[in-house]
């Protein structure tokens, strides 16, 4: 049931942004699930929130759309994160998080996030970051959850030679670290 609520929140949010003509890209766990399910629907993992990449310049428009009827989400500004909490499930852990397009998500990151144009329509109808953009984002963040997501994409054969060739050396090294770790469990 929790998975259904996240999927409904994703669908409602992206439909509202589409209707308003605001470009976005789904990133994070929902993007990984979208890509992994394109190869093996049974290999997807659940996520508890919705992560959307938008242009910083569009944040006022995004706020207007998500805060108005019928969504009525409440905006919270937390450090460098803008979060929208769903009134139907008022938890900051299950909200809609904004990620800035074409910027370094953290000052320490060596690679900027993709632009919103580096996206395509998913089979579910929302804009999702391209596979190469998602791999770069996950390898740049490189938290535990990101390494798990990379492992999931590797396990279904999504990370191909052209994607590897597009990675800067630092990110390729991180990918190889995840591959070695995965080999330890086989």
N, C-alpha and C. Protein backbone atom coordinates (compact mmCIF):
# COMPACT_ATOMS: atom_id res chain seq x y z
N UNK A 1 0.82 -1.19 0.00
CA UNK A 1 0.00 0.00 0.00
C UNK A 1 0.87 1.26 0.00
N UNK A 2 1.97 1.23 0.74
CA UNK A 2 2.87 2.39 0.77
C UNK A 2 3.46 2.64 -0.61
N UNK A 3 3.78 1.56 -1.33
CA UNK A 3 4.33 1.69 -2.68
C UNK A 3 3.30 2.37 -3.58
N UNK A 4 2.05 1.96 -3.44
CA UNK A 4 0.99 2.57 -4.25
C UNK A 4 0.85 4.06 -3.96
N UNK A 5 0.99 4.46 -2.69
CA UNK A 5 0.88 5.88 -2.34
C UNK A 5 2.01 6.68 -2.98
N UNK A 6 3.22 6.13 -2.99
CA UNK A 6 4.35 6.82 -3.62
C UNK A 6 4.09 6.94 -5.12
N UNK A 7 3.63 5.86 -5.74
CA UNK A 7 3.35 5.90 -7.18
C UNK A 7 2.24 6.89 -7.51
N UNK A 8 1.22 6.95 -6.67
CA UNK A 8 0.15 7.93 -6.87
C UNK A 8 0.66 9.36 -6.72
N UNK A 9 1.51 9.58 -5.72
CA UNK A 9 2.08 10.91 -5.51
C UNK A 9 2.95 11.31 -6.71
N UNK A 10 3.73 10.37 -7.20
CA UNK A 10 4.55 10.62 -8.39
C UNK A 10 3.67 10.97 -9.58
N UNK A 11 2.63 10.20 -9.80
CA UNK A 11 1.74 10.44 -10.95
C UNK A 11 1.01 11.78 -10.83
N UNK A 12 0.51 12.10 -9.64
CA UNK A 12 -0.21 13.37 -9.45
C UNK A 12 0.72 14.56 -9.63
N UNK A 13 1.92 14.45 -9.08
CA UNK A 13 2.89 15.55 -9.14
C UNK A 13 3.34 15.79 -10.57
N UNK A 14 3.74 14.74 -11.26
CA UNK A 14 4.25 14.91 -12.61
C UNK A 14 3.14 15.34 -13.57
N UNK A 15 1.92 14.84 -13.36
CA UNK A 15 0.81 15.27 -14.21
C UNK A 15 0.53 16.76 -14.04
N UNK A 16 0.62 17.25 -12.80
CA UNK A 16 0.39 18.68 -12.55
C UNK A 16 1.47 19.53 -13.18
N UNK A 17 2.73 19.09 -13.09
CA UNK A 17 3.82 19.85 -13.71
C UNK A 17 3.71 19.82 -15.23
N UNK A 18 3.34 18.66 -15.78
CA UNK A 18 3.13 18.57 -17.23
C UNK A 18 2.02 19.53 -17.67
N UNK A 19 0.91 19.53 -16.94
CA UNK A 19 -0.22 20.40 -17.29
C UNK A 19 0.17 21.87 -17.25
N UNK A 20 1.09 22.23 -16.35
CA UNK A 20 1.53 23.61 -16.22
C UNK A 20 2.67 23.95 -17.19
N UNK A 21 3.15 22.95 -17.92
CA UNK A 21 4.23 23.19 -18.87
C UNK A 21 5.59 23.39 -18.23
N UNK A 22 5.79 22.85 -17.04
CA UNK A 22 7.06 22.98 -16.33
C UNK A 22 7.89 21.73 -16.58
N UNK A 23 9.06 21.91 -17.10
CA UNK A 23 9.94 20.77 -17.40
C UNK A 23 10.61 20.28 -16.12
N UNK A 24 10.69 18.98 -15.98
CA UNK A 24 11.26 18.32 -14.82
C UNK A 24 11.83 16.99 -15.29
N UNK A 25 12.50 16.30 -14.42
CA UNK A 25 12.90 14.91 -14.65
C UNK A 25 12.83 14.17 -13.33
N UNK A 26 12.21 13.00 -13.35
CA UNK A 26 12.19 12.15 -12.18
C UNK A 26 13.60 11.57 -12.02
N UNK A 27 14.12 11.66 -10.80
CA UNK A 27 15.44 11.13 -10.47
C UNK A 27 15.29 10.24 -9.23
N UNK A 28 16.39 9.78 -8.68
CA UNK A 28 16.35 9.00 -7.44
C UNK A 28 15.79 7.61 -7.65
N UNK A 29 15.22 7.07 -6.60
CA UNK A 29 14.72 5.70 -6.60
C UNK A 29 13.65 5.42 -7.63
N UNK A 30 12.78 6.40 -7.88
CA UNK A 30 11.75 6.18 -8.89
C UNK A 30 12.34 6.11 -10.29
N UNK A 31 13.39 6.87 -10.55
CA UNK A 31 14.06 6.79 -11.85
C UNK A 31 14.74 5.43 -12.00
N UNK A 32 15.41 4.98 -10.94
CA UNK A 32 16.05 3.66 -10.98
C UNK A 32 14.99 2.59 -11.24
N UNK A 33 13.87 2.66 -10.53
CA UNK A 33 12.79 1.68 -10.71
C UNK A 33 12.26 1.71 -12.14
N UNK A 34 12.12 2.90 -12.71
CA UNK A 34 11.63 3.01 -14.08
C UNK A 34 12.58 2.33 -15.06
N UNK A 35 13.88 2.59 -14.90
CA UNK A 35 14.86 1.99 -15.81
C UNK A 35 14.99 0.49 -15.58
N UNK A 36 15.09 0.05 -14.32
CA UNK A 36 15.24 -1.37 -14.04
C UNK A 36 14.02 -2.15 -14.51
N UNK A 37 12.83 -1.61 -14.29
CA UNK A 37 11.61 -2.32 -14.70
C UNK A 37 11.48 -2.42 -16.22
N UNK A 38 12.20 -1.57 -16.95
CA UNK A 38 12.16 -1.68 -18.41
C UNK A 38 12.85 -2.96 -18.88
N UNK A 39 13.68 -3.55 -18.01
CA UNK A 39 14.38 -4.80 -18.33
C UNK A 39 13.78 -5.97 -17.54
N UNK A 40 13.54 -5.73 -16.24
CA UNK A 40 13.06 -6.80 -15.36
C UNK A 40 12.18 -6.19 -14.27
N UNK A 41 10.86 -6.17 -14.50
CA UNK A 41 9.97 -5.55 -13.50
C UNK A 41 10.10 -6.14 -12.10
N UNK A 42 10.47 -7.40 -12.00
CA UNK A 42 10.62 -8.04 -10.70
C UNK A 42 11.87 -7.63 -9.94
N UNK A 43 12.76 -6.90 -10.59
CA UNK A 43 14.02 -6.51 -9.95
C UNK A 43 13.97 -5.11 -9.35
N UNK A 44 12.80 -4.48 -9.35
CA UNK A 44 12.71 -3.12 -8.83
C UNK A 44 12.61 -3.11 -7.31
N UNK A 45 13.01 -1.99 -6.73
CA UNK A 45 12.91 -1.78 -5.29
C UNK A 45 11.92 -0.64 -5.04
N UNK A 46 11.33 -0.67 -3.86
CA UNK A 46 10.41 0.40 -3.45
C UNK A 46 11.21 1.59 -2.95
N UNK A 47 10.62 2.76 -3.06
CA UNK A 47 11.19 3.97 -2.50
C UNK A 47 10.08 4.70 -1.78
N UNK A 48 10.44 5.51 -0.80
CA UNK A 48 9.40 6.15 0.02
C UNK A 48 9.14 7.60 -0.34
N UNK A 49 9.92 8.15 -1.29
CA UNK A 49 9.72 9.55 -1.63
C UNK A 49 9.77 9.75 -3.14
N UNK A 50 9.56 10.98 -3.55
CA UNK A 50 9.63 11.34 -4.97
C UNK A 50 10.70 12.41 -5.10
N UNK A 51 11.67 12.17 -5.96
CA UNK A 51 12.72 13.15 -6.23
C UNK A 51 12.55 13.67 -7.65
N UNK A 52 12.44 14.99 -7.75
CA UNK A 52 12.27 15.65 -9.04
C UNK A 52 13.39 16.64 -9.28
N UNK A 53 13.99 16.57 -10.44
CA UNK A 53 15.00 17.53 -10.83
C UNK A 53 14.31 18.62 -11.63
N UNK A 54 14.52 19.87 -11.20
CA UNK A 54 13.94 21.04 -11.87
C UNK A 54 15.00 22.13 -11.99
N UNK A 55 14.72 23.09 -12.83
CA UNK A 55 15.60 24.26 -12.90
C UNK A 55 15.33 25.13 -11.68
N UNK A 56 16.39 25.63 -11.08
CA UNK A 56 16.23 26.52 -9.92
C UNK A 56 15.35 27.72 -10.28
N UNK A 57 15.48 28.20 -11.51
CA UNK A 57 14.70 29.36 -11.95
C UNK A 57 13.20 29.06 -11.99
N UNK A 58 12.82 27.79 -11.99
CA UNK A 58 11.40 27.41 -12.06
C UNK A 58 10.78 27.12 -10.69
N UNK A 59 11.53 27.33 -9.61
CA UNK A 59 11.03 26.91 -8.30
C UNK A 59 9.76 27.65 -7.90
N UNK A 60 9.61 28.90 -8.25
CA UNK A 60 8.38 29.62 -7.89
C UNK A 60 7.18 29.01 -8.60
N UNK A 61 7.35 28.67 -9.87
CA UNK A 61 6.25 28.04 -10.62
C UNK A 61 5.95 26.65 -10.06
N UNK A 62 6.98 25.89 -9.74
CA UNK A 62 6.79 24.56 -9.17
C UNK A 62 6.04 24.68 -7.85
N UNK A 63 6.45 25.63 -7.02
CA UNK A 63 5.78 25.85 -5.74
C UNK A 63 4.31 26.19 -5.94
N UNK A 64 4.03 27.06 -6.89
CA UNK A 64 2.65 27.44 -7.17
C UNK A 64 1.80 26.23 -7.56
N UNK A 65 2.34 25.38 -8.42
CA UNK A 65 1.60 24.21 -8.90
C UNK A 65 1.40 23.20 -7.77
N UNK A 66 2.46 22.88 -7.04
CA UNK A 66 2.35 21.85 -6.02
C UNK A 66 1.59 22.31 -4.79
N UNK A 67 1.57 23.60 -4.54
CA UNK A 67 0.88 24.13 -3.36
C UNK A 67 -0.61 24.39 -3.61
N UNK A 68 -1.01 24.43 -4.85
CA UNK A 68 -2.41 24.76 -5.16
C UNK A 68 -3.28 23.51 -5.25
N UNK A 69 -4.57 23.74 -5.30
CA UNK A 69 -5.55 22.67 -5.44
C UNK A 69 -5.35 21.99 -6.79
N UNK A 70 -5.40 20.72 -6.91
CA UNK A 70 -5.86 19.75 -5.92
C UNK A 70 -4.76 19.15 -5.06
N UNK A 71 -3.50 19.46 -5.32
CA UNK A 71 -2.41 18.83 -4.58
C UNK A 71 -2.30 19.34 -3.14
N UNK A 72 -2.28 20.65 -2.98
CA UNK A 72 -2.20 21.26 -1.65
C UNK A 72 -1.00 20.82 -0.83
N UNK A 73 0.14 20.58 -1.49
CA UNK A 73 1.35 20.21 -0.77
C UNK A 73 1.85 21.43 -0.01
N UNK A 74 2.54 21.19 1.10
CA UNK A 74 3.13 22.25 1.90
C UNK A 74 4.63 22.29 1.65
N UNK A 75 5.13 23.48 1.33
CA UNK A 75 6.56 23.61 1.05
C UNK A 75 7.34 23.80 2.35
N UNK A 76 8.49 23.12 2.41
CA UNK A 76 9.44 23.25 3.52
C UNK A 76 10.82 23.47 2.91
N UNK A 77 11.54 24.43 3.42
CA UNK A 77 12.91 24.67 2.98
C UNK A 77 13.84 24.14 4.06
N UNK A 78 14.61 23.11 3.72
CA UNK A 78 15.52 22.47 4.66
C UNK A 78 16.93 22.57 4.10
N UNK A 79 17.75 23.39 4.70
CA UNK A 79 19.11 23.64 4.20
C UNK A 79 19.05 23.92 2.71
N UNK A 80 19.65 23.05 1.90
CA UNK A 80 19.66 23.27 0.45
C UNK A 80 18.56 22.48 -0.26
N UNK A 81 17.63 21.94 0.50
CA UNK A 81 16.59 21.10 -0.08
C UNK A 81 15.25 21.80 0.02
N UNK A 82 14.51 21.74 -1.07
CA UNK A 82 13.11 22.17 -1.05
C UNK A 82 12.28 20.90 -1.05
N UNK A 83 11.39 20.80 -0.09
CA UNK A 83 10.58 19.61 0.11
C UNK A 83 9.11 20.00 0.12
N UNK A 84 8.28 19.19 -0.52
CA UNK A 84 6.84 19.39 -0.49
C UNK A 84 6.21 18.19 0.20
N UNK A 85 5.41 18.47 1.23
CA UNK A 85 4.77 17.42 2.01
C UNK A 85 3.32 17.28 1.56
N UNK A 86 2.94 16.05 1.31
CA UNK A 86 1.60 15.70 0.86
C UNK A 86 0.65 15.73 2.05
N UNK A 87 -0.46 16.45 1.97
CA UNK A 87 -1.39 16.48 3.10
C UNK A 87 -2.01 15.10 3.40
N UNK A 88 -2.03 14.22 2.41
CA UNK A 88 -2.57 12.87 2.62
C UNK A 88 -1.60 11.96 3.37
N UNK A 89 -0.33 12.34 3.41
CA UNK A 89 0.69 11.59 4.15
C UNK A 89 1.73 12.60 4.62
N UNK A 90 1.42 13.33 5.70
CA UNK A 90 2.26 14.46 6.12
C UNK A 90 3.57 14.07 6.80
N UNK A 91 4.42 13.38 6.07
CA UNK A 91 5.73 13.00 6.57
C UNK A 91 6.80 13.56 5.65
N UNK A 92 7.81 14.17 6.23
CA UNK A 92 8.89 14.71 5.42
C UNK A 92 9.68 13.59 4.73
N UNK A 93 9.62 12.40 5.26
CA UNK A 93 10.33 11.27 4.66
C UNK A 93 9.67 10.79 3.38
N UNK A 94 8.40 11.08 3.20
CA UNK A 94 7.69 10.58 2.03
C UNK A 94 7.25 11.70 1.09
N UNK A 95 7.89 12.84 1.20
CA UNK A 95 7.50 13.99 0.40
C UNK A 95 8.08 13.99 -1.00
N UNK A 96 7.95 15.15 -1.63
CA UNK A 96 8.51 15.40 -2.95
C UNK A 96 9.71 16.32 -2.75
N UNK A 97 10.89 15.82 -3.10
CA UNK A 97 12.13 16.57 -2.94
C UNK A 97 12.57 17.14 -4.28
N UNK A 98 13.00 18.39 -4.28
CA UNK A 98 13.51 18.99 -5.50
C UNK A 98 15.03 18.90 -5.53
N UNK A 99 15.55 18.59 -6.70
CA UNK A 99 16.98 18.55 -6.96
C UNK A 99 17.21 19.55 -8.08
N UNK A 100 18.24 20.37 -7.96
CA UNK A 100 18.49 21.40 -8.97
C UNK A 100 19.19 20.83 -10.19
N UNK A 101 18.64 21.12 -11.33
CA UNK A 101 19.22 20.69 -12.60
C UNK A 101 20.44 21.53 -12.94
N UNK A 102 21.40 20.89 -13.58
CA UNK A 102 22.57 21.58 -14.12
C UNK A 102 23.41 22.29 -13.06
N UNK A 103 23.40 21.77 -11.84
CA UNK A 103 24.18 22.33 -10.73
C UNK A 103 24.81 21.20 -9.95
N UNK A 104 25.85 21.53 -9.21
CA UNK A 104 26.39 20.55 -8.28
C UNK A 104 25.43 20.46 -7.11
N UNK A 105 24.97 19.27 -6.83
CA UNK A 105 23.99 19.08 -5.77
C UNK A 105 24.61 19.40 -4.41
N UNK A 106 25.86 19.06 -4.25
CA UNK A 106 26.63 19.44 -3.06
C UNK A 106 27.91 20.11 -3.54
N UNK A 107 28.40 21.09 -2.80
CA UNK A 107 29.62 21.78 -3.24
C UNK A 107 30.81 20.85 -3.47
N UNK A 108 30.86 19.76 -2.73
CA UNK A 108 31.98 18.83 -2.85
C UNK A 108 31.91 17.93 -4.09
N UNK A 109 30.76 17.89 -4.75
CA UNK A 109 30.61 17.01 -5.91
C UNK A 109 31.43 17.53 -7.08
N UNK A 110 32.06 16.62 -7.79
CA UNK A 110 32.89 17.00 -8.93
C UNK A 110 32.08 17.13 -10.22
N UNK A 111 30.88 16.59 -10.23
CA UNK A 111 30.05 16.58 -11.44
C UNK A 111 28.71 17.23 -11.14
N UNK A 112 28.25 18.06 -12.06
CA UNK A 112 26.93 18.69 -11.92
C UNK A 112 25.83 17.70 -12.28
N UNK A 113 24.65 17.98 -11.79
CA UNK A 113 23.49 17.17 -12.18
C UNK A 113 23.18 17.43 -13.65
N UNK A 114 22.47 16.53 -14.29
CA UNK A 114 22.09 16.75 -15.69
C UNK A 114 21.14 17.94 -15.82
N UNK A 115 20.92 18.37 -17.03
CA UNK A 115 19.89 19.37 -17.29
C UNK A 115 18.55 18.64 -17.41
N UNK A 116 17.45 19.36 -17.28
CA UNK A 116 16.14 18.71 -17.42
C UNK A 116 15.92 18.21 -18.84
N UNK A 117 16.65 18.77 -19.79
CA UNK A 117 16.53 18.30 -21.17
C UNK A 117 17.16 16.92 -21.34
N UNK A 118 18.02 16.50 -20.41
CA UNK A 118 18.61 15.17 -20.47
C UNK A 118 17.63 14.18 -19.83
N UNK A 119 16.46 14.09 -20.45
CA UNK A 119 15.41 13.22 -19.94
C UNK A 119 14.57 12.72 -21.12
N UNK A 120 13.75 11.75 -20.82
CA UNK A 120 12.86 11.20 -21.84
C UNK A 120 11.59 10.73 -21.15
N UNK A 121 10.54 10.55 -21.95
CA UNK A 121 9.28 10.07 -21.38
C UNK A 121 9.42 8.60 -21.01
N UNK A 122 8.99 8.27 -19.82
CA UNK A 122 8.99 6.88 -19.37
C UNK A 122 7.75 6.18 -19.92
N UNK A 123 7.71 4.87 -19.86
CA UNK A 123 6.48 4.17 -20.27
C UNK A 123 5.26 4.60 -19.44
N UNK A 124 5.50 5.09 -18.22
CA UNK A 124 4.39 5.56 -17.38
C UNK A 124 3.97 6.99 -17.70
N UNK A 125 4.67 7.64 -18.64
CA UNK A 125 4.26 8.95 -19.11
C UNK A 125 4.95 10.15 -18.48
N UNK A 126 5.77 9.96 -17.46
CA UNK A 126 6.47 11.10 -16.87
C UNK A 126 7.86 11.24 -17.47
N UNK A 127 8.45 12.43 -17.31
CA UNK A 127 9.83 12.65 -17.75
C UNK A 127 10.77 12.01 -16.74
N UNK A 128 11.69 11.20 -17.21
CA UNK A 128 12.67 10.54 -16.35
C UNK A 128 14.06 10.86 -16.90
N UNK A 129 15.01 11.09 -15.99
CA UNK A 129 16.37 11.38 -16.40
C UNK A 129 16.88 10.22 -17.26
N UNK A 130 17.71 10.53 -18.24
CA UNK A 130 18.28 9.48 -19.08
C UNK A 130 19.10 8.51 -18.24
N UNK A 131 19.30 7.33 -18.77
CA UNK A 131 20.07 6.33 -18.04
C UNK A 131 21.48 6.82 -17.76
N UNK A 132 22.13 7.43 -18.74
CA UNK A 132 23.50 7.91 -18.51
C UNK A 132 23.52 9.02 -17.46
N UNK A 133 22.54 9.91 -17.47
CA UNK A 133 22.45 10.97 -16.46
C UNK A 133 22.21 10.40 -15.07
N UNK A 134 21.36 9.38 -14.98
CA UNK A 134 21.07 8.73 -13.70
C UNK A 134 22.32 8.04 -13.14
N UNK A 135 23.04 7.34 -14.01
CA UNK A 135 24.26 6.66 -13.56
C UNK A 135 25.26 7.68 -13.03
N UNK A 136 25.43 8.79 -13.75
CA UNK A 136 26.36 9.84 -13.27
C UNK A 136 25.92 10.37 -11.91
N UNK A 137 24.61 10.63 -11.75
CA UNK A 137 24.11 11.15 -10.48
C UNK A 137 24.36 10.17 -9.34
N UNK A 138 24.08 8.90 -9.56
CA UNK A 138 24.24 7.89 -8.52
C UNK A 138 25.71 7.70 -8.16
N UNK A 139 26.59 7.72 -9.17
CA UNK A 139 28.02 7.57 -8.89
C UNK A 139 28.60 8.82 -8.25
N UNK A 140 28.04 9.97 -8.53
CA UNK A 140 28.51 11.21 -7.91
C UNK A 140 28.12 11.25 -6.43
N UNK A 141 26.87 10.92 -6.13
CA UNK A 141 26.42 10.92 -4.72
C UNK A 141 27.09 9.81 -3.94
N UNK A 142 27.03 8.62 -4.44
CA UNK A 142 27.75 7.45 -3.94
C UNK A 142 27.47 7.12 -2.47
N UNK A 143 26.25 7.41 -2.00
CA UNK A 143 25.84 6.97 -0.67
C UNK A 143 25.52 5.47 -0.74
N UNK A 144 25.23 4.85 0.38
CA UNK A 144 24.89 3.42 0.38
C UNK A 144 23.75 3.13 -0.59
N UNK A 145 22.69 3.92 -0.52
CA UNK A 145 21.54 3.69 -1.39
C UNK A 145 21.92 3.85 -2.87
N UNK A 146 22.82 4.76 -3.16
CA UNK A 146 23.27 4.96 -4.55
C UNK A 146 24.04 3.74 -5.05
N UNK A 147 24.88 3.18 -4.18
CA UNK A 147 25.63 1.98 -4.57
C UNK A 147 24.69 0.80 -4.80
N UNK A 148 23.64 0.70 -3.98
CA UNK A 148 22.65 -0.36 -4.18
C UNK A 148 21.94 -0.15 -5.52
N UNK A 149 21.57 1.09 -5.82
CA UNK A 149 20.91 1.38 -7.09
C UNK A 149 21.81 1.07 -8.28
N UNK A 150 23.10 1.41 -8.18
CA UNK A 150 24.05 1.07 -9.25
C UNK A 150 24.12 -0.45 -9.41
N UNK A 151 24.19 -1.16 -8.30
CA UNK A 151 24.22 -2.62 -8.34
C UNK A 151 22.97 -3.18 -9.02
N UNK A 152 21.82 -2.60 -8.72
CA UNK A 152 20.58 -3.05 -9.37
C UNK A 152 20.64 -2.84 -10.88
N UNK A 153 21.15 -1.67 -11.29
CA UNK A 153 21.24 -1.39 -12.73
C UNK A 153 22.25 -2.31 -13.40
N UNK A 154 23.35 -2.61 -12.71
CA UNK A 154 24.33 -3.56 -13.24
C UNK A 154 23.71 -4.95 -13.38
N UNK A 155 22.94 -5.37 -12.39
CA UNK A 155 22.42 -6.74 -12.36
C UNK A 155 21.47 -7.03 -13.52
N UNK A 156 20.84 -6.00 -14.08
CA UNK A 156 19.94 -6.23 -15.22
C UNK A 156 20.57 -5.79 -16.54
N UNK A 157 21.86 -5.46 -16.50
CA UNK A 157 22.59 -5.16 -17.73
C UNK A 157 22.36 -3.78 -18.31
N UNK A 158 21.92 -2.83 -17.49
CA UNK A 158 21.65 -1.48 -18.00
C UNK A 158 22.91 -0.64 -18.24
N UNK A 159 23.95 -0.91 -17.47
CA UNK A 159 25.17 -0.09 -17.60
C UNK A 159 26.07 -0.72 -18.65
N UNK A 160 25.98 -0.17 -19.84
CA UNK A 160 26.63 -0.72 -21.03
C UNK A 160 27.98 -0.05 -21.29
N UNK A 161 28.69 -0.56 -22.28
CA UNK A 161 30.00 0.00 -22.66
C UNK A 161 29.91 1.48 -23.02
N UNK A 162 28.92 1.93 -23.79
CA UNK A 162 28.85 3.37 -24.08
C UNK A 162 28.65 4.24 -22.84
N UNK A 163 27.90 3.76 -21.86
CA UNK A 163 27.72 4.52 -20.62
C UNK A 163 29.05 4.56 -19.87
N UNK A 164 29.72 3.44 -19.78
CA UNK A 164 31.03 3.40 -19.12
C UNK A 164 32.00 4.38 -19.78
N UNK A 165 32.01 4.38 -21.12
CA UNK A 165 32.93 5.25 -21.86
C UNK A 165 32.64 6.72 -21.64
N UNK A 166 31.41 7.05 -21.27
CA UNK A 166 31.04 8.45 -21.06
C UNK A 166 31.40 8.97 -19.68
N UNK A 167 31.80 8.08 -18.77
CA UNK A 167 32.06 8.48 -17.39
C UNK A 167 33.45 9.08 -17.23
N UNK A 168 33.56 10.16 -16.43
CA UNK A 168 34.89 10.66 -16.08
C UNK A 168 35.62 9.60 -15.25
N UNK A 169 36.95 9.64 -15.22
CA UNK A 169 37.73 8.61 -14.51
C UNK A 169 37.29 8.38 -13.06
N UNK A 170 37.01 9.44 -12.33
CA UNK A 170 36.60 9.29 -10.92
C UNK A 170 35.33 8.45 -10.80
N UNK A 171 34.35 8.71 -11.67
CA UNK A 171 33.10 7.97 -11.60
C UNK A 171 33.26 6.54 -12.11
N UNK A 172 34.09 6.34 -13.11
CA UNK A 172 34.37 4.99 -13.59
C UNK A 172 35.00 4.16 -12.48
N UNK A 173 35.90 4.75 -11.73
CA UNK A 173 36.53 4.07 -10.60
C UNK A 173 35.49 3.67 -9.56
N UNK A 174 34.54 4.53 -9.30
CA UNK A 174 33.46 4.21 -8.34
C UNK A 174 32.60 3.06 -8.87
N UNK A 175 32.31 3.08 -10.16
CA UNK A 175 31.53 1.99 -10.77
C UNK A 175 32.27 0.66 -10.59
N UNK A 176 33.56 0.67 -10.83
CA UNK A 176 34.36 -0.55 -10.67
C UNK A 176 34.37 -1.02 -9.22
N UNK A 177 34.34 -0.10 -8.27
CA UNK A 177 34.26 -0.46 -6.85
C UNK A 177 32.95 -1.20 -6.57
N UNK A 178 31.84 -0.70 -7.12
CA UNK A 178 30.55 -1.36 -6.92
C UNK A 178 30.57 -2.74 -7.57
N UNK A 179 31.15 -2.84 -8.75
CA UNK A 179 31.23 -4.14 -9.43
C UNK A 179 32.03 -5.15 -8.60
N UNK A 180 33.15 -4.73 -8.04
CA UNK A 180 33.96 -5.63 -7.21
C UNK A 180 33.18 -6.07 -5.97
N UNK A 181 32.46 -5.15 -5.37
CA UNK A 181 31.66 -5.48 -4.17
C UNK A 181 30.57 -6.48 -4.52
N UNK A 182 29.94 -6.30 -5.67
CA UNK A 182 28.88 -7.21 -6.11
C UNK A 182 29.45 -8.61 -6.34
N UNK A 183 30.68 -8.68 -6.86
CA UNK A 183 31.30 -9.98 -7.11
C UNK A 183 31.54 -10.74 -5.81
N UNK A 184 31.73 -10.04 -4.70
CA UNK A 184 31.96 -10.69 -3.41
C UNK A 184 30.74 -11.47 -2.93
N UNK A 185 29.56 -11.12 -3.43
CA UNK A 185 28.32 -11.75 -2.96
C UNK A 185 27.83 -12.83 -3.90
N UNK A 186 28.52 -13.03 -5.01
CA UNK A 186 28.06 -14.03 -6.00
C UNK A 186 28.58 -15.39 -5.63
